[in-house]
Amino acid sequence: MKPAQITVIRDGLFTSRRLTADITETVPTAQRLVKEHFGRRPLTAVEVVVTSTKRIAMLAAMAQGAAAKLKPEAWDGKTLTLTSRPNDLYSVAVIAPNNVVRVLVNATRLRRRQREIGATLVWAFVEVDQLCRKGAWDHRLTLTRHELGANVLPKHKARALYRIEADWEAEAEKATGQIVGKVIRQNRQAEAAAEREAAGTTASQGAA
């Protein structure tokens, strides 16, 4: 099977080129770690868009509105629940036209916390994996049409959709912690092994 196609796009004149380059370099590793964790199919085509806090809500509504085949006036000026608190977001995965999942990365926040690029992208690819699961795309389409007023659902049906989103968020938090924790442990083990090897080499040279 072919691996997922991934593209990284820099959105906005003031989005850091260096941060975008660091994200581009880290994306393949994050995708591989998530694939290894869940042990299933290649992911769908993914567009990683490095953007700003100010633009993330607009881009999310545009992507999901277009995926739901709504007209631009349906999403213009609207904010989805996913991005209702953009200042708190490191990233968010949304559905987009042509069966693409678009990851919107908040460069404004990551610029101040560059060491968190890896964890942010792991979380993002967990969300991508969730959107690739059976029924997930239709779920997100239905929720988008509800939130943009194209097909408003009864309250009990809307609550059921939001519960699914909350479960996904909890799973993403747990999986990211497990994946990042495993990487940290492996790095520490490798460092300890290198130190032991260096100490053994020094000892043997001293004995000689």
N, C-alpha and C. Protein backbone atom coordinates (compact mmCIF):
# COMPACT_ATOMS: atom_id res chain seq x y z
N MET A 1 0.83 -1.20 0.00
CA MET A 1 0.00 0.00 0.00
C MET A 1 0.87 1.25 0.00
N LYS A 2 0.39 2.27 -0.70
CA LYS A 2 1.14 3.52 -0.75
C LYS A 2 0.94 4.30 0.55
N PRO A 3 1.99 4.98 1.02
CA PRO A 3 1.81 5.81 2.21
C PRO A 3 0.94 7.01 1.89
N ALA A 4 0.41 7.63 2.93
CA ALA A 4 -0.43 8.81 2.72
C ALA A 4 0.38 9.93 2.10
N GLN A 5 -0.27 10.67 1.23
CA GLN A 5 0.37 11.84 0.64
C GLN A 5 0.23 13.01 1.61
N ILE A 6 1.35 13.64 1.93
CA ILE A 6 1.34 14.75 2.87
C ILE A 6 1.97 15.97 2.21
N THR A 7 1.28 17.10 2.30
CA THR A 7 1.86 18.37 1.86
C THR A 7 1.82 19.35 3.01
N VAL A 8 2.82 20.22 3.07
CA VAL A 8 2.87 21.25 4.11
C VAL A 8 2.79 22.61 3.41
N ILE A 9 1.86 23.44 3.85
CA ILE A 9 1.60 24.74 3.23
C ILE A 9 1.77 25.83 4.27
N ARG A 10 2.47 26.88 3.88
CA ARG A 10 2.62 28.05 4.76
C ARG A 10 1.57 29.07 4.38
N ASP A 11 0.71 29.42 5.33
CA ASP A 11 -0.41 30.32 5.05
C ASP A 11 -0.18 31.66 5.75
N GLY A 12 -0.08 32.72 4.98
CA GLY A 12 0.07 34.05 5.56
C GLY A 12 1.50 34.57 5.46
N LEU A 13 1.63 35.85 5.13
CA LEU A 13 2.95 36.46 4.93
C LEU A 13 3.78 36.47 6.20
N PHE A 14 3.12 36.53 7.35
CA PHE A 14 3.85 36.67 8.60
C PHE A 14 4.05 35.34 9.32
N THR A 15 3.71 34.23 8.66
CA THR A 15 3.93 32.91 9.25
C THR A 15 5.41 32.56 9.10
N SER A 16 6.01 32.13 10.19
CA SER A 16 7.45 31.87 10.23
C SER A 16 7.88 30.80 9.23
N ARG A 17 8.84 31.15 8.38
CA ARG A 17 9.40 30.18 7.44
C ARG A 17 10.19 29.10 8.19
N ARG A 18 10.91 29.51 9.21
CA ARG A 18 11.71 28.55 9.97
C ARG A 18 10.82 27.54 10.68
N LEU A 19 9.73 28.03 11.30
CA LEU A 19 8.81 27.12 11.97
C LEU A 19 8.17 26.17 10.96
N THR A 20 7.80 26.69 9.79
CA THR A 20 7.23 25.84 8.75
C THR A 20 8.22 24.77 8.32
N ALA A 21 9.50 25.12 8.21
CA ALA A 21 10.53 24.14 7.84
C ALA A 21 10.67 23.08 8.93
N ASP A 22 10.63 23.49 10.20
CA ASP A 22 10.73 22.53 11.30
C ASP A 22 9.54 21.58 11.30
N ILE A 23 8.35 22.13 11.03
CA ILE A 23 7.15 21.30 10.97
C ILE A 23 7.25 20.31 9.81
N THR A 24 7.70 20.78 8.65
CA THR A 24 7.86 19.92 7.48
C THR A 24 8.80 18.75 7.79
N GLU A 25 9.86 19.05 8.53
CA GLU A 25 10.84 18.02 8.87
C GLU A 25 10.27 17.00 9.87
N THR A 26 9.38 17.43 10.74
CA THR A 26 8.86 16.58 11.81
C THR A 26 7.64 15.77 11.40
N VAL A 27 6.89 16.23 10.40
CA VAL A 27 5.65 15.58 10.00
C VAL A 27 5.80 14.08 9.71
N PRO A 28 6.79 13.63 8.90
CA PRO A 28 6.86 12.20 8.61
C PRO A 28 7.04 11.33 9.85
N THR A 29 7.83 11.82 10.81
CA THR A 29 8.04 11.05 12.03
C THR A 29 6.74 10.96 12.83
N ALA A 30 6.03 12.07 12.95
CA ALA A 30 4.77 12.08 13.70
C ALA A 30 3.76 11.13 13.06
N GLN A 31 3.66 11.16 11.75
CA GLN A 31 2.74 10.27 11.06
C GLN A 31 3.12 8.80 11.29
N ARG A 32 4.42 8.50 11.21
CA ARG A 32 4.88 7.12 11.40
C ARG A 32 4.57 6.64 12.81
N LEU A 33 4.82 7.47 13.81
CA LEU A 33 4.58 7.08 15.20
C LEU A 33 3.11 6.77 15.45
N VAL A 34 2.23 7.58 14.86
CA VAL A 34 0.79 7.35 15.04
C VAL A 34 0.36 6.08 14.32
N LYS A 35 0.89 5.86 13.13
CA LYS A 35 0.56 4.63 12.39
C LYS A 35 1.01 3.40 13.15
N GLU A 36 2.21 3.46 13.73
CA GLU A 36 2.72 2.34 14.51
C GLU A 36 1.88 2.12 15.76
N HIS A 37 1.40 3.19 16.36
CA HIS A 37 0.61 3.08 17.58
C HIS A 37 -0.72 2.38 17.33
N PHE A 38 -1.41 2.79 16.26
CA PHE A 38 -2.72 2.20 15.98
C PHE A 38 -2.63 0.94 15.15
N GLY A 39 -1.53 0.77 14.42
CA GLY A 39 -1.31 -0.46 13.66
C GLY A 39 -2.35 -0.72 12.60
N ARG A 40 -2.72 0.31 11.85
CA ARG A 40 -3.70 0.10 10.79
C ARG A 40 -3.37 0.90 9.55
N ARG A 41 -4.33 0.91 8.65
CA ARG A 41 -4.19 1.39 7.28
C ARG A 41 -3.38 2.69 7.12
N PRO A 42 -2.84 2.92 5.91
CA PRO A 42 -2.26 4.24 5.64
C PRO A 42 -3.33 5.31 5.78
N LEU A 43 -2.92 6.48 6.13
CA LEU A 43 -3.86 7.57 6.30
C LEU A 43 -4.22 8.18 4.95
N THR A 44 -5.31 8.92 4.91
CA THR A 44 -5.72 9.59 3.68
C THR A 44 -4.75 10.74 3.37
N ALA A 45 -4.95 11.37 2.23
CA ALA A 45 -4.12 12.53 1.88
C ALA A 45 -4.30 13.61 2.95
N VAL A 46 -3.18 14.21 3.35
CA VAL A 46 -3.19 15.19 4.43
C VAL A 46 -2.52 16.47 3.98
N GLU A 47 -3.16 17.59 4.24
CA GLU A 47 -2.55 18.90 4.03
C GLU A 47 -2.32 19.54 5.39
N VAL A 48 -1.07 19.84 5.68
CA VAL A 48 -0.73 20.53 6.92
C VAL A 48 -0.58 22.01 6.58
N VAL A 49 -1.45 22.83 7.14
CA VAL A 49 -1.44 24.26 6.85
C VAL A 49 -0.94 25.01 8.09
N VAL A 50 0.21 25.64 7.95
CA VAL A 50 0.80 26.39 9.05
C VAL A 50 0.26 27.81 8.96
N THR A 51 -0.54 28.20 9.95
CA THR A 51 -1.27 29.47 9.86
C THR A 51 -1.21 30.20 11.20
N SER A 52 -2.09 31.17 11.39
CA SER A 52 -2.06 31.99 12.60
C SER A 52 -3.34 31.82 13.41
N THR A 53 -3.30 32.25 14.66
CA THR A 53 -4.49 32.21 15.51
C THR A 53 -5.65 32.94 14.85
N LYS A 54 -5.37 34.07 14.21
CA LYS A 54 -6.43 34.90 13.62
C LYS A 54 -7.14 34.21 12.46
N ARG A 55 -6.44 33.32 11.76
CA ARG A 55 -7.00 32.73 10.54
C ARG A 55 -7.53 31.31 10.74
N ILE A 56 -7.23 30.69 11.86
CA ILE A 56 -7.50 29.26 12.00
C ILE A 56 -9.00 28.96 12.00
N ALA A 57 -9.81 29.80 12.65
CA ALA A 57 -11.25 29.56 12.69
C ALA A 57 -11.87 29.71 11.30
N MET A 58 -11.45 30.73 10.57
CA MET A 58 -11.96 30.96 9.22
C MET A 58 -11.59 29.81 8.29
N LEU A 59 -10.35 29.34 8.37
CA LEU A 59 -9.91 28.25 7.50
C LEU A 59 -10.64 26.94 7.83
N ALA A 60 -10.92 26.70 9.11
CA ALA A 60 -11.63 25.49 9.50
C ALA A 60 -13.06 25.50 8.97
N ALA A 61 -13.76 26.63 9.13
CA ALA A 61 -15.13 26.73 8.63
C ALA A 61 -15.18 26.61 7.11
N MET A 62 -14.20 27.22 6.44
CA MET A 62 -14.14 27.14 4.98
C MET A 62 -13.93 25.70 4.51
N ALA A 63 -12.97 25.00 5.13
CA ALA A 63 -12.66 23.63 4.71
C ALA A 63 -13.84 22.70 4.93
N GLN A 64 -14.42 22.75 6.13
CA GLN A 64 -15.51 21.82 6.42
C GLN A 64 -16.80 22.22 5.70
N GLY A 65 -17.02 23.52 5.54
CA GLY A 65 -18.18 23.97 4.79
C GLY A 65 -18.11 23.52 3.33
N ALA A 66 -16.92 23.64 2.75
CA ALA A 66 -16.74 23.21 1.36
C ALA A 66 -16.87 21.69 1.23
N ALA A 67 -16.33 20.96 2.22
CA ALA A 67 -16.46 19.50 2.21
C ALA A 67 -17.93 19.08 2.29
N ALA A 68 -18.72 19.87 3.00
CA ALA A 68 -20.15 19.59 3.13
C ALA A 68 -20.95 20.11 1.93
N LYS A 69 -20.24 20.66 0.92
CA LYS A 69 -20.85 21.16 -0.31
C LYS A 69 -21.83 22.32 -0.04
N LEU A 70 -21.47 23.15 0.91
CA LEU A 70 -22.26 24.34 1.20
C LEU A 70 -21.70 25.53 0.43
N LYS A 71 -22.52 26.53 0.22
CA LYS A 71 -22.07 27.73 -0.48
C LYS A 71 -21.25 28.61 0.47
N PRO A 72 -20.34 29.43 -0.07
CA PRO A 72 -19.48 30.26 0.77
C PRO A 72 -20.23 31.10 1.80
N GLU A 73 -21.43 31.58 1.44
CA GLU A 73 -22.16 32.42 2.41
C GLU A 73 -22.57 31.62 3.64
N ALA A 74 -22.57 30.28 3.54
CA ALA A 74 -22.94 29.46 4.70
C ALA A 74 -21.87 29.48 5.78
N TRP A 75 -20.62 29.60 5.36
CA TRP A 75 -19.54 29.59 6.37
C TRP A 75 -18.89 30.95 6.58
N ASP A 76 -19.18 31.90 5.73
CA ASP A 76 -18.55 33.21 5.84
C ASP A 76 -18.86 33.85 7.20
N GLY A 77 -17.83 34.15 7.94
CA GLY A 77 -17.99 34.78 9.25
C GLY A 77 -18.42 33.84 10.36
N LYS A 78 -18.57 32.55 10.07
CA LYS A 78 -19.01 31.57 11.07
C LYS A 78 -17.80 30.93 11.76
N THR A 79 -18.04 30.46 12.96
CA THR A 79 -17.01 29.74 13.72
C THR A 79 -17.56 28.40 14.17
N LEU A 80 -16.81 27.35 13.92
CA LEU A 80 -17.20 26.01 14.37
C LEU A 80 -16.80 25.81 15.83
N THR A 81 -17.49 24.89 16.49
CA THR A 81 -17.16 24.59 17.88
C THR A 81 -15.70 24.16 18.02
N LEU A 82 -15.19 23.45 17.01
CA LEU A 82 -13.80 22.98 17.03
C LEU A 82 -12.81 24.11 17.26
N THR A 83 -13.13 25.29 16.75
CA THR A 83 -12.19 26.41 16.81
C THR A 83 -12.76 27.60 17.58
N SER A 84 -13.67 27.32 18.50
CA SER A 84 -14.31 28.41 19.24
C SER A 84 -13.35 29.11 20.20
N ARG A 85 -12.24 28.46 20.52
CA ARG A 85 -11.22 29.07 21.39
C ARG A 85 -9.86 28.99 20.69
N PRO A 86 -9.66 29.75 19.63
CA PRO A 86 -8.45 29.61 18.80
C PRO A 86 -7.15 29.88 19.55
N ASN A 87 -7.19 30.74 20.56
CA ASN A 87 -5.97 31.03 21.31
C ASN A 87 -5.45 29.81 22.07
N ASP A 88 -6.34 28.85 22.35
CA ASP A 88 -5.95 27.65 23.10
C ASP A 88 -5.46 26.53 22.17
N LEU A 89 -5.65 26.70 20.87
CA LEU A 89 -5.35 25.62 19.93
C LEU A 89 -3.87 25.59 19.53
N TYR A 90 -3.30 24.40 19.56
CA TYR A 90 -2.01 24.18 18.91
C TYR A 90 -2.26 23.74 17.46
N SER A 91 -3.26 22.90 17.28
CA SER A 91 -3.62 22.44 15.93
C SER A 91 -5.03 21.88 15.98
N VAL A 92 -5.61 21.71 14.80
CA VAL A 92 -6.92 21.06 14.70
C VAL A 92 -7.00 20.39 13.33
N ALA A 93 -7.54 19.19 13.30
CA ALA A 93 -7.72 18.46 12.04
C ALA A 93 -9.16 18.61 11.58
N VAL A 94 -9.35 19.00 10.32
CA VAL A 94 -10.68 19.21 9.77
C VAL A 94 -10.81 18.47 8.45
N ILE A 95 -12.04 18.19 8.07
CA ILE A 95 -12.26 17.58 6.76
C ILE A 95 -12.26 18.68 5.70
N ALA A 96 -11.86 18.32 4.49
CA ALA A 96 -11.77 19.27 3.38
C ALA A 96 -12.25 18.56 2.11
N PRO A 97 -12.50 19.32 1.05
CA PRO A 97 -12.96 18.69 -0.20
C PRO A 97 -11.97 17.65 -0.73
N ASN A 98 -12.49 16.76 -1.58
CA ASN A 98 -11.69 15.73 -2.25
C ASN A 98 -11.10 14.71 -1.27
N ASN A 99 -11.85 14.45 -0.17
CA ASN A 99 -11.44 13.44 0.82
C ASN A 99 -10.07 13.73 1.43
N VAL A 100 -9.76 14.99 1.56
CA VAL A 100 -8.51 15.42 2.19
C VAL A 100 -8.79 15.78 3.64
N VAL A 101 -7.87 15.41 4.53
CA VAL A 101 -7.92 15.91 5.90
C VAL A 101 -6.90 17.04 6.00
N ARG A 102 -7.33 18.17 6.50
CA ARG A 102 -6.46 19.34 6.59
C ARG A 102 -6.13 19.60 8.06
N VAL A 103 -4.85 19.64 8.36
CA VAL A 103 -4.40 19.94 9.71
C VAL A 103 -3.99 21.40 9.77
N LEU A 104 -4.69 22.17 10.57
CA LEU A 104 -4.38 23.59 10.73
C LEU A 104 -3.51 23.75 11.97
N VAL A 105 -2.28 24.20 11.77
CA VAL A 105 -1.32 24.34 12.86
C VAL A 105 -1.23 25.81 13.25
N ASN A 106 -1.35 26.08 14.53
CA ASN A 106 -1.34 27.45 15.03
C ASN A 106 0.11 27.91 15.25
N ALA A 107 0.66 28.55 14.23
CA ALA A 107 2.05 29.00 14.29
C ALA A 107 2.25 30.08 15.36
N THR A 108 1.20 30.85 15.62
CA THR A 108 1.30 31.91 16.63
C THR A 108 1.65 31.31 17.98
N ARG A 109 1.02 30.21 18.32
CA ARG A 109 1.27 29.58 19.61
C ARG A 109 2.57 28.78 19.61
N LEU A 110 2.80 28.05 18.54
CA LEU A 110 4.00 27.20 18.50
C LEU A 110 5.29 28.01 18.41
N ARG A 111 5.20 29.21 17.89
CA ARG A 111 6.40 30.05 17.81
C ARG A 111 6.96 30.32 19.22
N ARG A 112 6.06 30.37 20.18
CA ARG A 112 6.49 30.61 21.56
C ARG A 112 6.86 29.32 22.28
N ARG A 113 6.45 28.19 21.72
CA ARG A 113 6.68 26.90 22.38
C ARG A 113 7.22 25.89 21.37
N GLN A 114 8.32 26.23 20.73
CA GLN A 114 8.82 25.44 19.61
C GLN A 114 9.14 24.00 19.99
N ARG A 115 9.49 23.78 21.25
CA ARG A 115 9.83 22.41 21.68
C ARG A 115 8.60 21.50 21.64
N GLU A 116 7.41 22.07 21.47
CA GLU A 116 6.19 21.26 21.47
C GLU A 116 5.72 20.88 20.06
N ILE A 117 6.55 21.12 19.06
CA ILE A 117 6.17 20.78 17.68
C ILE A 117 5.85 19.29 17.56
N GLY A 118 6.72 18.45 18.08
CA GLY A 118 6.54 17.00 17.95
C GLY A 118 5.24 16.52 18.55
N ALA A 119 4.96 16.92 19.79
CA ALA A 119 3.73 16.50 20.46
C ALA A 119 2.50 17.04 19.74
N THR A 120 2.58 18.28 19.25
CA THR A 120 1.45 18.87 18.52
C THR A 120 1.13 18.07 17.26
N LEU A 121 2.16 17.67 16.53
CA LEU A 121 1.93 16.93 15.29
C LEU A 121 1.47 15.51 15.55
N VAL A 122 1.95 14.90 16.63
CA VAL A 122 1.45 13.57 17.00
C VAL A 122 -0.04 13.66 17.29
N TRP A 123 -0.44 14.62 18.10
CA TRP A 123 -1.86 14.83 18.41
C TRP A 123 -2.65 15.02 17.10
N ALA A 124 -2.11 15.85 16.21
CA ALA A 124 -2.80 16.13 14.95
C ALA A 124 -3.02 14.87 14.13
N PHE A 125 -2.01 14.00 14.08
CA PHE A 125 -2.16 12.78 13.27
C PHE A 125 -3.03 11.74 13.96
N VAL A 126 -3.15 11.80 15.28
CA VAL A 126 -4.17 10.98 15.94
C VAL A 126 -5.55 11.44 15.48
N GLU A 127 -5.76 12.76 15.39
CA GLU A 127 -7.03 13.28 14.90
C GLU A 127 -7.27 12.89 13.44
N VAL A 128 -6.22 12.90 12.64
CA VAL A 128 -6.35 12.45 11.25
C VAL A 128 -6.80 11.00 11.22
N ASP A 129 -6.18 10.16 12.04
CA ASP A 129 -6.56 8.76 12.10
C ASP A 129 -8.03 8.61 12.48
N GLN A 130 -8.47 9.40 13.43
CA GLN A 130 -9.87 9.34 13.84
C GLN A 130 -10.80 9.67 12.68
N LEU A 131 -10.43 10.67 11.88
CA LEU A 131 -11.28 11.07 10.76
C LEU A 131 -11.25 10.07 9.61
N CYS A 132 -10.30 9.14 9.64
CA CYS A 132 -10.23 8.10 8.60
C CYS A 132 -11.08 6.88 8.95
N ARG A 133 -11.59 6.83 10.16
CA ARG A 133 -12.32 5.64 10.59
C ARG A 133 -13.72 5.59 9.98
N LYS A 134 -14.26 4.41 9.95
CA LYS A 134 -15.59 4.20 9.35
C LYS A 134 -16.63 5.08 10.04
N GLY A 135 -17.36 5.82 9.26
CA GLY A 135 -18.43 6.66 9.77
C GLY A 135 -18.00 8.03 10.25
N ALA A 136 -16.68 8.25 10.42
CA ALA A 136 -16.20 9.51 10.99
C ALA A 136 -16.44 10.69 10.05
N TRP A 137 -16.23 10.45 8.76
CA TRP A 137 -16.40 11.53 7.79
C TRP A 137 -17.86 12.00 7.77
N ASP A 138 -18.79 11.05 7.72
CA ASP A 138 -20.21 11.40 7.72
C ASP A 138 -20.60 12.11 9.02
N HIS A 139 -20.02 11.66 10.12
CA HIS A 139 -20.27 12.32 11.41
C HIS A 139 -19.87 13.79 11.35
N ARG A 140 -18.67 14.07 10.83
CA ARG A 140 -18.19 15.44 10.80
C ARG A 140 -18.99 16.28 9.79
N LEU A 141 -19.41 15.66 8.68
CA LEU A 141 -20.26 16.38 7.72
C LEU A 141 -21.58 16.79 8.36
N THR A 142 -22.19 15.86 9.08
CA THR A 142 -23.48 16.13 9.73
C THR A 142 -23.35 17.24 10.76
N LEU A 143 -22.28 17.18 11.55
CA LEU A 143 -22.06 18.20 12.58
C LEU A 143 -21.80 19.57 11.94
N THR A 144 -21.05 19.57 10.84
CA THR A 144 -20.76 20.83 10.14
C THR A 144 -22.03 21.46 9.60
N ARG A 145 -22.88 20.66 8.96
CA ARG A 145 -24.13 21.18 8.42
C ARG A 145 -25.03 21.71 9.54
N HIS A 146 -24.97 21.05 10.69
CA HIS A 146 -25.74 21.52 11.85
C HIS A 146 -25.22 22.87 12.33
N GLU A 147 -23.92 22.97 12.51
CA GLU A 147 -23.35 24.19 13.09
C GLU A 147 -23.42 25.38 12.13
N LEU A 148 -23.41 25.10 10.84
CA LEU A 148 -23.48 26.20 9.86
C LEU A 148 -24.92 26.50 9.43
N GLY A 149 -25.87 25.83 10.09
CA GLY A 149 -27.28 26.15 9.88
C GLY A 149 -27.91 25.57 8.64
N ALA A 150 -27.20 24.66 7.95
CA ALA A 150 -27.75 24.09 6.72
C ALA A 150 -28.75 22.97 7.02
N ASN A 151 -28.54 22.27 8.12
CA ASN A 151 -29.44 21.18 8.52
C ASN A 151 -29.37 21.05 10.04
N VAL A 152 -30.12 21.91 10.72
CA VAL A 152 -30.06 21.95 12.18
C VAL A 152 -30.74 20.72 12.76
N LEU A 153 -30.04 20.06 13.69
CA LEU A 153 -30.52 18.81 14.28
C LEU A 153 -31.30 19.06 15.57
N PRO A 154 -32.16 18.10 15.93
CA PRO A 154 -32.78 18.15 17.26
C PRO A 154 -31.68 18.11 18.33
N LYS A 155 -31.97 18.68 19.49
CA LYS A 155 -30.94 18.81 20.52
C LYS A 155 -30.33 17.47 20.93
N HIS A 156 -31.13 16.43 21.03
CA HIS A 156 -30.59 15.15 21.49
C HIS A 156 -29.63 14.56 20.45
N LYS A 157 -29.91 14.77 19.17
CA LYS A 157 -29.01 14.27 18.13
C LYS A 157 -27.71 15.08 18.10
N ALA A 158 -27.81 16.38 18.27
CA ALA A 158 -26.61 17.21 18.32
C ALA A 158 -25.74 16.83 19.51
N ARG A 159 -26.37 16.62 20.67
CA ARG A 159 -25.61 16.23 21.87
C ARG A 159 -24.85 14.93 21.63
N ALA A 160 -25.46 13.99 20.92
CA ALA A 160 -24.80 12.71 20.63
C ALA A 160 -23.56 12.93 19.79
N LEU A 161 -23.63 13.84 18.82
CA LEU A 161 -22.47 14.13 17.98
C LEU A 161 -21.36 14.80 18.80
N TYR A 162 -21.74 15.71 19.68
CA TYR A 162 -20.72 16.38 20.50
C TYR A 162 -20.07 15.41 21.49
N ARG A 163 -20.83 14.41 21.94
CA ARG A 163 -20.22 13.40 22.82
C ARG A 163 -19.13 12.63 22.08
N ILE A 164 -19.38 12.32 20.82
CA ILE A 164 -18.37 11.62 20.02
C ILE A 164 -17.12 12.48 19.89
N GLU A 165 -17.30 13.77 19.62
CA GLU A 165 -16.15 14.67 19.50
C GLU A 165 -15.37 14.73 20.82
N ALA A 166 -16.09 14.75 21.95
CA ALA A 166 -15.43 14.78 23.26
C ALA A 166 -14.65 13.48 23.50
N ASP A 167 -15.21 12.36 23.07
CA ASP A 167 -14.51 11.07 23.21
C ASP A 167 -13.25 11.06 22.36
N TRP A 168 -13.35 11.62 21.16
CA TRP A 168 -12.16 11.69 20.29
C TRP A 168 -11.06 12.54 20.93
N GLU A 169 -11.47 13.66 21.52
CA GLU A 169 -10.47 14.53 22.15
C GLU A 169 -9.78 13.82 23.31
N ALA A 170 -10.56 13.09 24.11
CA ALA A 170 -9.98 12.35 25.22
C ALA A 170 -9.02 11.27 24.72
N GLU A 171 -9.41 10.59 23.64
CA GLU A 171 -8.55 9.57 23.07
C GLU A 171 -7.26 10.19 22.53
N ALA A 172 -7.38 11.35 21.87
CA ALA A 172 -6.19 12.01 21.31
C ALA A 172 -5.22 12.39 22.43
N GLU A 173 -5.76 12.88 23.53
CA GLU A 173 -4.90 13.26 24.66
C GLU A 173 -4.18 12.03 25.22
N LYS A 174 -4.91 10.94 25.39
CA LYS A 174 -4.32 9.72 25.94
C LYS A 174 -3.28 9.12 24.99
N ALA A 175 -3.64 9.01 23.71
CA ALA A 175 -2.72 8.41 22.73
C ALA A 175 -1.46 9.23 22.57
N THR A 176 -1.61 10.57 22.54
CA THR A 176 -0.43 11.43 22.41
C THR A 176 0.50 11.25 23.60
N GLY A 177 -0.06 11.17 24.79
CA GLY A 177 0.77 10.94 25.97
C GLY A 177 1.51 9.62 25.90
N GLN A 178 0.83 8.58 25.44
CA GLN A 178 1.47 7.26 25.31
C GLN A 178 2.59 7.27 24.28
N ILE A 179 2.32 7.89 23.13
CA ILE A 179 3.31 7.90 22.04
C ILE A 179 4.53 8.74 22.42
N VAL A 180 4.29 9.95 22.93
CA VAL A 180 5.40 10.83 23.30
C VAL A 180 6.19 10.23 24.46
N GLY A 181 5.47 9.64 25.42
CA GLY A 181 6.16 8.99 26.55
C GLY A 181 7.06 7.86 26.10
N LYS A 182 6.60 7.08 25.13
CA LYS A 182 7.41 5.98 24.61
C LYS A 182 8.68 6.50 23.93
N VAL A 183 8.53 7.57 23.15
CA VAL A 183 9.69 8.17 22.47
C VAL A 183 10.71 8.68 23.49
N ILE A 184 10.22 9.34 24.53
CA ILE A 184 11.11 9.87 25.57
C ILE A 184 11.87 8.73 26.25
N ARG A 185 11.17 7.64 26.58
CA ARG A 185 11.82 6.50 27.22
C ARG A 185 12.88 5.88 26.31
N GLN A 186 12.54 5.74 25.03
CA GLN A 186 13.50 5.16 24.08
C GLN A 186 14.74 6.05 23.95
N ASN A 187 14.54 7.35 23.92
CA ASN A 187 15.68 8.27 23.82
C ASN A 187 16.56 8.19 25.05
N ARG A 188 15.93 8.09 26.22
CA ARG A 188 16.71 7.98 27.46
C ARG A 188 17.50 6.68 27.50
N GLN A 189 16.87 5.61 27.04
CA GLN A 189 17.56 4.31 27.01
C GLN A 189 18.75 4.36 26.05
N ALA A 190 18.55 5.01 24.90
CA ALA A 190 19.64 5.12 23.92
C ALA A 190 20.78 5.95 24.49
N GLU A 191 20.44 7.04 25.19
CA GLU A 191 21.48 7.89 25.79
C GLU A 191 22.25 7.13 26.87
N ALA A 192 21.52 6.36 27.68
CA ALA A 192 22.17 5.58 28.74
C ALA A 192 23.09 4.53 28.15
N ALA A 193 22.64 3.89 27.07
CA ALA A 193 23.47 2.86 26.42
C ALA A 193 24.73 3.50 25.84
N ALA A 194 24.58 4.69 25.24
CA ALA A 194 25.75 5.38 24.67
C ALA A 194 26.74 5.77 25.76
N GLU A 195 26.21 6.21 26.91
CA GLU A 195 27.08 6.58 28.02
C GLU A 195 27.84 5.36 28.56
N ARG A 196 27.12 4.22 28.66
CA ARG A 196 27.79 2.99 29.12
C ARG A 196 28.88 2.55 28.16
N GLU A 197 28.57 2.68 26.87
CA GLU A 197 29.55 2.29 25.86
C GLU A 197 30.78 3.20 25.92
N ALA A 198 30.52 4.49 26.08
CA ALA A 198 31.63 5.45 26.17
C ALA A 198 32.47 5.19 27.42
N ALA A 199 31.80 4.87 28.53
CA ALA A 199 32.53 4.57 29.76
C ALA A 199 33.36 3.31 29.61
N GLY A 200 32.78 2.31 28.92
CA GLY A 200 33.54 1.07 28.71
C GLY A 200 34.73 1.27 27.82
N THR A 201 34.58 2.10 26.81
CA THR A 201 35.72 2.40 25.91
C THR A 201 36.82 3.11 26.67
N THR A 202 36.43 4.09 27.50
CA THR A 202 37.42 4.83 28.29
C THR A 202 38.15 3.91 29.25
N ALA A 203 37.41 3.00 29.88
CA ALA A 203 38.01 2.07 30.83
C ALA A 203 39.01 1.14 30.14
N SER A 204 38.63 0.64 28.95
CA SER A 204 39.53 -0.27 28.24
C SER A 204 40.80 0.45 27.76
N GLN A 205 40.63 1.71 27.37
CA GLN A 205 41.81 2.49 26.94
C GLN A 205 42.74 2.74 28.12
N GLY A 206 42.14 2.99 29.31
CA GLY A 206 42.95 3.20 30.51
C GLY A 206 43.70 1.95 30.89
N ALA A 207 43.04 0.79 30.74
CA ALA A 207 43.70 -0.46 31.10
C ALA A 207 44.85 -0.76 30.15
N ALA A 208 44.69 -0.37 28.88
CA ALA A 208 45.75 -0.61 27.91
C ALA A 208 46.93 0.30 28.19
